[in-house]
Structure formats: structure tokens, C-alpha cells
Amino acid sequence: MDLSFLAGDTISAAKQLLGKYISTETDGIVTGGYITEVEAYLGADDKAAHAYQLKRNKKNEMMYRDYRTIYVYTMHGHHCMNFITKDEHHPEGVLIRAIEPVTGIEVMKARRGREHNLTDGPGKLTQSLGVTRDVYNGTRLNEDGVSISDGKTPIEIIASKRIGIDNKEEAVDYLYRFTVKGNPYVSKDKVKREDNNGWIE
């Protein structure tokens, strides 16, 4: 699919990612689902972003690439996957926080070692999809094992505060987290499930 929307405004790109079908292929095994939750991080001026004030180091180097680059970092032993937006001069990106599982669910269960809560959090979904920092950090979306394509369209998108950034001063209050209203496959929230999980038929 045309990924040029990732080259524009990061907030807009984050919203447009909701509903996209994301998949991985590892050793011929495909796993995937629809993106239900994302967070936008706006680089130099965003105190919650890894590239705040254009800080640059070995860990966040892949943020200084052009759009479509995949940036994977680890936190508390879990891998978190981001899609870089814009270009190497504007280190911004979108964290993929949750998906509605569709393909390869039995494989996801085996990878997670559980029957439920397979993909409702950034570390959970990367484990289910087989995404690790050593393999996928710096790869290219739709070229090197992680792909997105058109999927479903949300009826309504909810904007809320990002999760896990309690010490980032005013950035704590930015409404840069976006979820599909009525979709139960999101992290943290208690969701009243809507018909068709909040997707347009």
C-alpha cells in the first residue's frame, strides 16, 4: 500500500494507522491483526519522546531515519515497536500499542504462553507477532518482514493521554494516544464493546 501518509503530520499518521492490517512472517508463519491503539511521539519538542531536544544515541538512532523505518526498543524486558514518520531531520514516530488478533492466533497463544490478552499492550503484541529488537530494529515497513495494508475503518477514534510517562511534565497531558472506540483489544482501558468491535461494516 501507499505509505506516504507516514511522511506527513505524525498525529494524522497515527490516526490513519488505526484499522490497518499489520502482519509478520517468521519461518513461513504469518501472524497479524488490525491496529487498535497507537501513541504519537513528536520528537524534539515532546518531553516524552526518545528524541526530545534532538537527543541522539545508540538506542534511538533509528528514529533518525526516514518514514517507514521500524524502531524497536526494549523497556522492562519487553520489545516496543514504532513506525518512524517524517524524515531523518524530524525524529518522530508512532508506537503501536495494541492490535485485534486475526491471523495465526494459535501461534500467538504459543508465543505468549497463554490463551487470552495476546495483543493488548505494546510488549504483548510484539511477542505475539515475533518482533524483537535484534531482528527488526532498523528494518523497513513493507519490505523486511513487518507489513501493513488496508484493513478496517474505525467508526470513532478516541484521543487520550499516553500511558507510562508520568514524569514527563506537561507532556503527560498531551492527548496523543488514539484508540478505536468500542474495541476491546486495547491496553489498560475498560471498554464497553460496540457492535463489530467499533469498525465500520
C-alpha atoms as a PDB file:
ATOM      1  CA  MET A   1       0.000   0.000   0.000  1.00  0.00           C
ATOM      2  CA  ASP A   2       0.981   3.660  -0.323  1.00  0.00           C
ATOM      3  CA  LEU A   3       2.802   4.591   2.881  1.00  0.00           C
ATOM      4  CA  SER A   4       3.348   8.251   2.045  1.00  0.00           C
ATOM      5  CA  PHE A   5       0.860   9.266   4.751  1.00  0.00           C
ATOM      6  CA  LEU A   6       3.615   8.444   7.246  1.00  0.00           C
ATOM      7  CA  ALA A   7       5.745  11.235   5.774  1.00  0.00           C
ATOM      8  CA  GLY A   8       3.295  13.923   6.849  1.00  0.00           C
ATOM      9  CA  ASP A   9       1.933  15.074  10.175  1.00  0.00           C
ATOM     10  CA  THR A  10       2.618  12.476  12.872  1.00  0.00           C
ATOM     11  CA  ILE A  11      -0.701  12.945  14.696  1.00  0.00           C
ATOM     12  CA  SER A  12      -2.585  12.432  11.437  1.00  0.00           C
ATOM     13  CA  ALA A  13      -0.428   9.402  10.597  1.00  0.00           C
ATOM     14  CA  ALA A  14      -1.161   7.857  13.998  1.00  0.00           C
ATOM     15  CA  LYS A  15      -4.902   8.132  13.452  1.00  0.00           C
ATOM     16  CA  GLN A  16      -4.616   6.746   9.930  1.00  0.00           C
ATOM     17  CA  LEU A  17      -2.771   3.685  11.239  1.00  0.00           C
ATOM     18  CA  LEU A  18      -5.835   2.637  13.236  1.00  0.00           C
ATOM     19  CA  GLY A  19      -7.541  -0.205  11.413  1.00  0.00           C
ATOM     20  CA  LYS A  20      -4.569  -1.042   9.220  1.00  0.00           C
ATOM     21  CA  TYR A  21      -3.838  -4.747   8.992  1.00  0.00           C
ATOM     22  CA  ILE A  22      -0.363  -5.480  10.347  1.00  0.00           C
ATOM     23  CA  SER A  23       1.365  -8.802   9.811  1.00  0.00           C
ATOM     24  CA  THR A  24       4.707 -10.509  10.255  1.00  0.00           C
ATOM     25  CA  GLU A  25       6.156 -13.601   8.637  1.00  0.00           C
ATOM     26  CA  THR A  26       8.720 -15.652  10.517  1.00  0.00           C
ATOM     27  CA  ASP A  27       9.908 -19.001   9.136  1.00  0.00           C
ATOM     28  CA  GLY A  28       6.886 -19.059   6.863  1.00  0.00           C
ATOM     29  CA  ILE A  29       4.446 -18.479   9.737  1.00  0.00           C
ATOM     30  CA  VAL A  30       2.185 -15.441   9.369  1.00  0.00           C
ATOM     31  CA  THR A  31       0.622 -13.636  12.327  1.00  0.00           C
ATOM     32  CA  GLY A  32      -1.371 -10.448  12.195  1.00  0.00           C
ATOM     33  CA  GLY A  33      -4.330  -8.289  13.113  1.00  0.00           C
ATOM     34  CA  TYR A  34      -5.918  -4.846  12.964  1.00  0.00           C
ATOM     35  CA  ILE A  35      -4.250  -1.930  14.748  1.00  0.00           C
ATOM     36  CA  THR A  36      -6.496  -0.687  17.558  1.00  0.00           C
ATOM     37  CA  GLU A  37      -4.264   1.564  19.670  1.00  0.00           C
ATOM     38  CA  VAL A  38      -1.331   3.873  18.941  1.00  0.00           C
ATOM     39  CA  GLU A  39       0.605   6.722  20.537  1.00  0.00           C
ATOM     40  CA  ALA A  40       2.274   9.599  18.705  1.00  0.00           C
ATOM     41  CA  TYR A  41       5.679  10.946  19.800  1.00  0.00           C
ATOM     42  CA  LEU A  42       6.721  14.294  18.365  1.00  0.00           C
ATOM     43  CA  GLY A  43      10.471  14.302  18.648  1.00  0.00           C
ATOM     44  CA  ALA A  44      12.403  17.423  19.565  1.00  0.00           C
ATOM     45  CA  ASP A  45       9.612  19.287  21.389  1.00  0.00           C
ATOM     46  CA  ASP A  46       7.962  16.300  23.099  1.00  0.00           C
ATOM     47  CA  LYS A  47       9.420  15.574  26.545  1.00  0.00           C
ATOM     48  CA  ALA A  48       8.056  12.011  26.394  1.00  0.00           C
ATOM     49  CA  ALA A  49       9.860  11.254  23.112  1.00  0.00           C
ATOM     50  CA  HIS A  50      13.195   9.443  22.981  1.00  0.00           C
ATOM     51  CA  ALA A  51      14.471  12.192  20.678  1.00  0.00           C
ATOM     52  CA  TYR A  52      13.447  15.113  22.887  1.00  0.00           C
ATOM     53  CA  GLN A  53      15.733  18.102  22.228  1.00  0.00           C
ATOM     54  CA  LEU A  54      17.183  16.035  19.371  1.00  0.00           C
ATOM     55  CA  LYS A  55      18.997  13.723  21.742  1.00  0.00           C
ATOM     56  CA  ARG A  56      20.761  11.083  19.701  1.00  0.00           C
ATOM     57  CA  ASN A  57      22.402   7.877  20.906  1.00  0.00           C
ATOM     58  CA  LYS A  58      22.873   4.233  20.032  1.00  0.00           C
ATOM     59  CA  LYS A  59      19.467   3.293  21.413  1.00  0.00           C
ATOM     60  CA  ASN A  60      17.377   5.806  19.466  1.00  0.00           C
ATOM     61  CA  GLU A  61      19.487   6.046  16.297  1.00  0.00           C
ATOM     62  CA  MET A  62      16.747   4.509  14.142  1.00  0.00           C
ATOM     63  CA  MET A  63      14.498   7.455  14.911  1.00  0.00           C
ATOM     64  CA  TYR A  64      16.850   9.489  12.718  1.00  0.00           C
ATOM     65  CA  ARG A  65      15.778   7.699   9.558  1.00  0.00           C
ATOM     66  CA  ASP A  66      13.059   8.445   7.050  1.00  0.00           C
ATOM     67  CA  TYR A  67       9.459   7.337   7.279  1.00  0.00           C
ATOM     68  CA  ARG A  68       8.743   3.581   7.062  1.00  0.00           C
ATOM     69  CA  THR A  69      11.722   2.748   9.288  1.00  0.00           C
ATOM     70  CA  ILE A  70      10.821   0.440  12.170  1.00  0.00           C
ATOM     71  CA  TYR A  71      12.213   1.464  15.548  1.00  0.00           C
ATOM     72  CA  VAL A  72      12.164  -1.254  18.211  1.00  0.00           C
ATOM     73  CA  TYR A  73      13.331  -0.544  21.743  1.00  0.00           C
ATOM     74  CA  THR A  74      13.168  -2.549  24.937  1.00  0.00           C
ATOM     75  CA  MET A  75      11.554  -1.488  28.192  1.00  0.00           C
ATOM     76  CA  HIS A  76      11.319  -3.651  31.303  1.00  0.00           C
ATOM     77  CA  GLY A  77      12.365  -6.620  29.207  1.00  0.00           C
ATOM     78  CA  HIS A  78       9.640  -6.092  26.595  1.00  0.00           C
ATOM     79  CA  HIS A  79      10.033  -5.013  22.984  1.00  0.00           C
ATOM     80  CA  CYS A  80       8.078  -1.984  21.739  1.00  0.00           C
ATOM     81  CA  MET A  81       7.577  -1.323  18.021  1.00  0.00           C
ATOM     82  CA  ASN A  82       7.354   2.122  16.442  1.00  0.00           C
ATOM     83  CA  PHE A  83       6.898   3.325  12.878  1.00  0.00           C
ATOM     84  CA  ILE A  84       9.047   6.350  12.077  1.00  0.00           C
ATOM     85  CA  THR A  85       7.288   9.275  10.403  1.00  0.00           C
ATOM     86  CA  LYS A  86       8.568  12.298   8.501  1.00  0.00           C
ATOM     87  CA  ASP A  87      12.340  12.183   7.802  1.00  0.00           C
ATOM     88  CA  GLU A  88      15.798  11.982   9.335  1.00  0.00           C
ATOM     89  CA  HIS A  89      15.620  15.667  10.352  1.00  0.00           C
ATOM     90  CA  HIS A  90      12.389  15.217  12.343  1.00  0.00           C
ATOM     91  CA  PRO A  91      12.739  12.166  14.623  1.00  0.00           C
ATOM     92  CA  GLU A  92       9.073  11.450  15.222  1.00  0.00           C
ATOM     93  CA  GLY A  93       7.128   8.231  15.286  1.00  0.00           C
ATOM     94  CA  VAL A  94       4.103   6.193  16.285  1.00  0.00           C
ATOM     95  CA  LEU A  95       4.165   3.466  18.931  1.00  0.00           C
ATOM     96  CA  ILE A  96       1.928   0.526  18.036  1.00  0.00           C
ATOM     97  CA  ARG A  97       0.278  -0.319  21.356  1.00  0.00           C
ATOM     98  CA  ALA A  98      -2.354  -2.945  20.513  1.00  0.00           C
ATOM     99  CA  ILE A  99      -3.990  -4.949  17.737  1.00  0.00           C
ATOM    100  CA  GLU A 100      -7.107  -7.040  17.294  1.00  0.00           C
ATOM    101  CA  PRO A 101      -5.670 -10.506  16.567  1.00  0.00           C
ATOM    102  CA  VAL A 102      -6.834 -12.126  13.342  1.00  0.00           C
ATOM    103  CA  THR A 103      -4.220 -14.380  11.746  1.00  0.00           C
ATOM    104  CA  GLY A 104      -2.142 -17.072  13.429  1.00  0.00           C
ATOM    105  CA  ILE A 105      -3.905 -16.818  16.784  1.00  0.00           C
ATOM    106  CA  GLU A 106      -2.793 -20.298  17.849  1.00  0.00           C
ATOM    107  CA  VAL A 107       0.810 -19.289  17.164  1.00  0.00           C
ATOM    108  CA  MET A 108       0.285 -16.140  19.220  1.00  0.00           C
ATOM    109  CA  LYS A 109      -1.014 -18.225  22.115  1.00  0.00           C
ATOM    110  CA  ALA A 110       2.068 -20.441  21.952  1.00  0.00           C
ATOM    111  CA  ARG A 111       4.427 -17.448  21.844  1.00  0.00           C
ATOM    112  CA  ARG A 112       2.652 -15.775  24.753  1.00  0.00           C
ATOM    113  CA  GLY A 113       2.127 -18.964  26.742  1.00  0.00           C
ATOM    114  CA  ARG A 114      -1.487 -18.024  27.456  1.00  0.00           C
ATOM    115  CA  GLU A 115      -4.972 -18.114  25.938  1.00  0.00           C
ATOM    116  CA  HIS A 116      -6.046 -14.510  26.459  1.00  0.00           C
ATOM    117  CA  ASN A 117      -4.676 -10.945  26.434  1.00  0.00           C
ATOM    118  CA  LEU A 118      -2.459 -11.751  23.496  1.00  0.00           C
ATOM    119  CA  THR A 119      -2.050  -8.337  21.914  1.00  0.00           C
ATOM    120  CA  ASP A 120      -3.493  -5.673  24.250  1.00  0.00           C
ATOM    121  CA  GLY A 121      -0.242  -3.884  25.012  1.00  0.00           C
ATOM    122  CA  PRO A 122       2.965  -2.962  23.159  1.00  0.00           C
ATOM    123  CA  GLY A 123       5.070  -5.763  24.660  1.00  0.00           C
ATOM    124  CA  LYS A 124       2.312  -8.323  24.275  1.00  0.00           C
ATOM    125  CA  LEU A 125       1.731  -7.629  20.596  1.00  0.00           C
ATOM    126  CA  THR A 126       5.430  -7.774  19.698  1.00  0.00           C
ATOM    127  CA  GLN A 127       5.748 -11.104  21.479  1.00  0.00           C
ATOM    128  CA  SER A 128       2.674 -12.419  19.664  1.00  0.00           C
ATOM    129  CA  LEU A 129       3.966 -11.167  16.313  1.00  0.00           C
ATOM    130  CA  GLY A 130       7.511 -12.403  16.930  1.00  0.00           C
ATOM    131  CA  VAL A 131       9.026  -8.906  16.758  1.00  0.00           C
ATOM    132  CA  THR A 132      12.345  -8.451  18.578  1.00  0.00           C
ATOM    133  CA  ARG A 133      14.833  -5.586  18.649  1.00  0.00           C
ATOM    134  CA  ASP A 134      17.765  -7.627  17.360  1.00  0.00           C
ATOM    135  CA  VAL A 135      15.876  -8.723  14.226  1.00  0.00           C
ATOM    136  CA  TYR A 136      13.562  -5.842  13.375  1.00  0.00           C
ATOM    137  CA  ASN A 137      15.107  -2.602  14.659  1.00  0.00           C
ATOM    138  CA  GLY A 138      16.025  -0.516  11.618  1.00  0.00           C
ATOM    139  CA  THR A 139      14.160  -2.633   9.080  1.00  0.00           C
ATOM    140  CA  ARG A 140      11.720  -1.154   6.617  1.00  0.00           C
ATOM    141  CA  LEU A 141       7.970  -1.393   6.790  1.00  0.00           C
ATOM    142  CA  ASN A 142       6.520  -3.476   3.932  1.00  0.00           C
ATOM    143  CA  GLU A 143       9.997  -4.614   2.925  1.00  0.00           C
ATOM    144  CA  ASP A 144      11.639  -6.652   5.680  1.00  0.00           C
ATOM    145  CA  GLY A 145       9.106  -8.824   7.477  1.00  0.00           C
ATOM    146  CA  VAL A 146       6.632  -6.378   9.017  1.00  0.00           C
ATOM    147  CA  SER A 147       3.860  -5.263   6.676  1.00  0.00           C
ATOM    148  CA  ILE A 148       0.735  -3.159   6.824  1.00  0.00           C
ATOM    149  CA  SER A 149      -2.149  -2.995   4.383  1.00  0.00           C
ATOM    150  CA  ASP A 150      -5.662  -1.615   4.222  1.00  0.00           C
ATOM    151  CA  GLY A 151      -7.942  -3.240   6.742  1.00  0.00           C
ATOM    152  CA  LYS A 152     -10.896  -1.742   8.600  1.00  0.00           C
ATOM    153  CA  THR A 153     -12.147   1.767   9.320  1.00  0.00           C
ATOM    154  CA  PRO A 154     -12.971   2.942  12.857  1.00  0.00           C
ATOM    155  CA  ILE A 155     -16.400   4.415  13.449  1.00  0.00           C
ATOM    156  CA  GLU A 156     -14.912   6.759  16.038  1.00  0.00           C
ATOM    157  CA  ILE A 157     -11.415   7.465  17.355  1.00  0.00           C
ATOM    158  CA  ILE A 158     -10.804   8.381  20.995  1.00  0.00           C
ATOM    159  CA  ALA A 159      -7.911  10.682  21.937  1.00  0.00           C
ATOM    160  CA  SER A 160      -6.487  10.320  25.448  1.00  0.00           C
ATOM    161  CA  LYS A 161      -3.308  10.712  27.490  1.00  0.00           C
ATOM    162  CA  ARG A 162      -0.376   8.440  26.760  1.00  0.00           C
ATOM    163  CA  ILE A 163       0.468   5.629  29.152  1.00  0.00           C
ATOM    164  CA  GLY A 164       3.563   5.198  31.322  1.00  0.00           C
ATOM    165  CA  ILE A 165       5.048   8.703  31.048  1.00  0.00           C
ATOM    166  CA  ASP A 166       4.095  10.086  34.465  1.00  0.00           C
ATOM    167  CA  ASN A 167       7.364  12.005  34.957  1.00  0.00           C
ATOM    168  CA  LYS A 168       7.367  13.919  31.657  1.00  0.00           C
ATOM    169  CA  GLU A 169       5.921  17.221  32.942  1.00  0.00           C
ATOM    170  CA  GLU A 170       3.470  18.891  30.548  1.00  0.00           C
ATOM    171  CA  ALA A 171       3.815  16.049  28.030  1.00  0.00           C
ATOM    172  CA  VAL A 172       1.813  13.882  30.428  1.00  0.00           C
ATOM    173  CA  ASP A 173      -1.320  15.789  29.436  1.00  0.00           C
ATOM    174  CA  TYR A 174      -0.942  15.629  25.661  1.00  0.00           C
ATOM    175  CA  LEU A 175      -3.812  13.716  24.066  1.00  0.00           C
ATOM    176  CA  TYR A 176      -1.546  11.749  21.746  1.00  0.00           C
ATOM    177  CA  ARG A 177      -2.922   8.260  22.404  1.00  0.00           C
ATOM    178  CA  PHE A 178      -5.554   7.099  19.954  1.00  0.00           C
ATOM    179  CA  THR A 179      -7.855   4.100  20.239  1.00  0.00           C
ATOM    180  CA  VAL A 180     -10.785   2.653  18.318  1.00  0.00           C
ATOM    181  CA  LYS A 181     -13.902   3.382  20.362  1.00  0.00           C
ATOM    182  CA  GLY A 182     -15.663   0.203  21.429  1.00  0.00           C
ATOM    183  CA  ASN A 183     -12.833  -2.145  20.518  1.00  0.00           C
ATOM    184  CA  PRO A 184     -11.920  -4.421  23.452  1.00  0.00           C
ATOM    185  CA  TYR A 185      -8.405  -5.139  22.162  1.00  0.00           C
ATOM    186  CA  VAL A 186      -6.688  -2.144  23.760  1.00  0.00           C
ATOM    187  CA  SER A 187      -4.420  -1.810  26.780  1.00  0.00           C
ATOM    188  CA  LYS A 188      -5.479  -0.607  30.226  1.00  0.00           C
ATOM    189  CA  ASP A 189      -8.961   0.727  29.378  1.00  0.00           C
ATOM    190  CA  LYS A 190     -12.190  -0.907  30.471  1.00  0.00           C
ATOM    191  CA  VAL A 191     -14.066  -0.914  27.187  1.00  0.00           C
ATOM    192  CA  LYS A 192     -17.752  -1.335  26.515  1.00  0.00           C
ATOM    193  CA  ARG A 193     -17.616  -3.453  23.382  1.00  0.00           C
ATOM    194  CA  GLU A 194     -19.555  -1.997  20.479  1.00  0.00           C
ATOM    195  CA  ASP A 195     -21.056  -3.819  17.511  1.00  0.00           C
ATOM    196  CA  ASN A 196     -18.388  -5.093  15.128  1.00  0.00           C
ATOM    197  CA  ASN A 197     -15.755  -4.018  17.704  1.00  0.00           C
ATOM    198  CA  GLY A 198     -16.112  -0.400  16.652  1.00  0.00           C
ATOM    199  CA  TRP A 199     -15.366  -0.906  12.961  1.00  0.00           C
ATOM    200  CA  ILE A 200     -17.469   0.309  10.054  1.00  0.00           C
ATOM    201  CA  GLU A 201     -19.081  -2.727   8.426  1.00  0.00           C
END
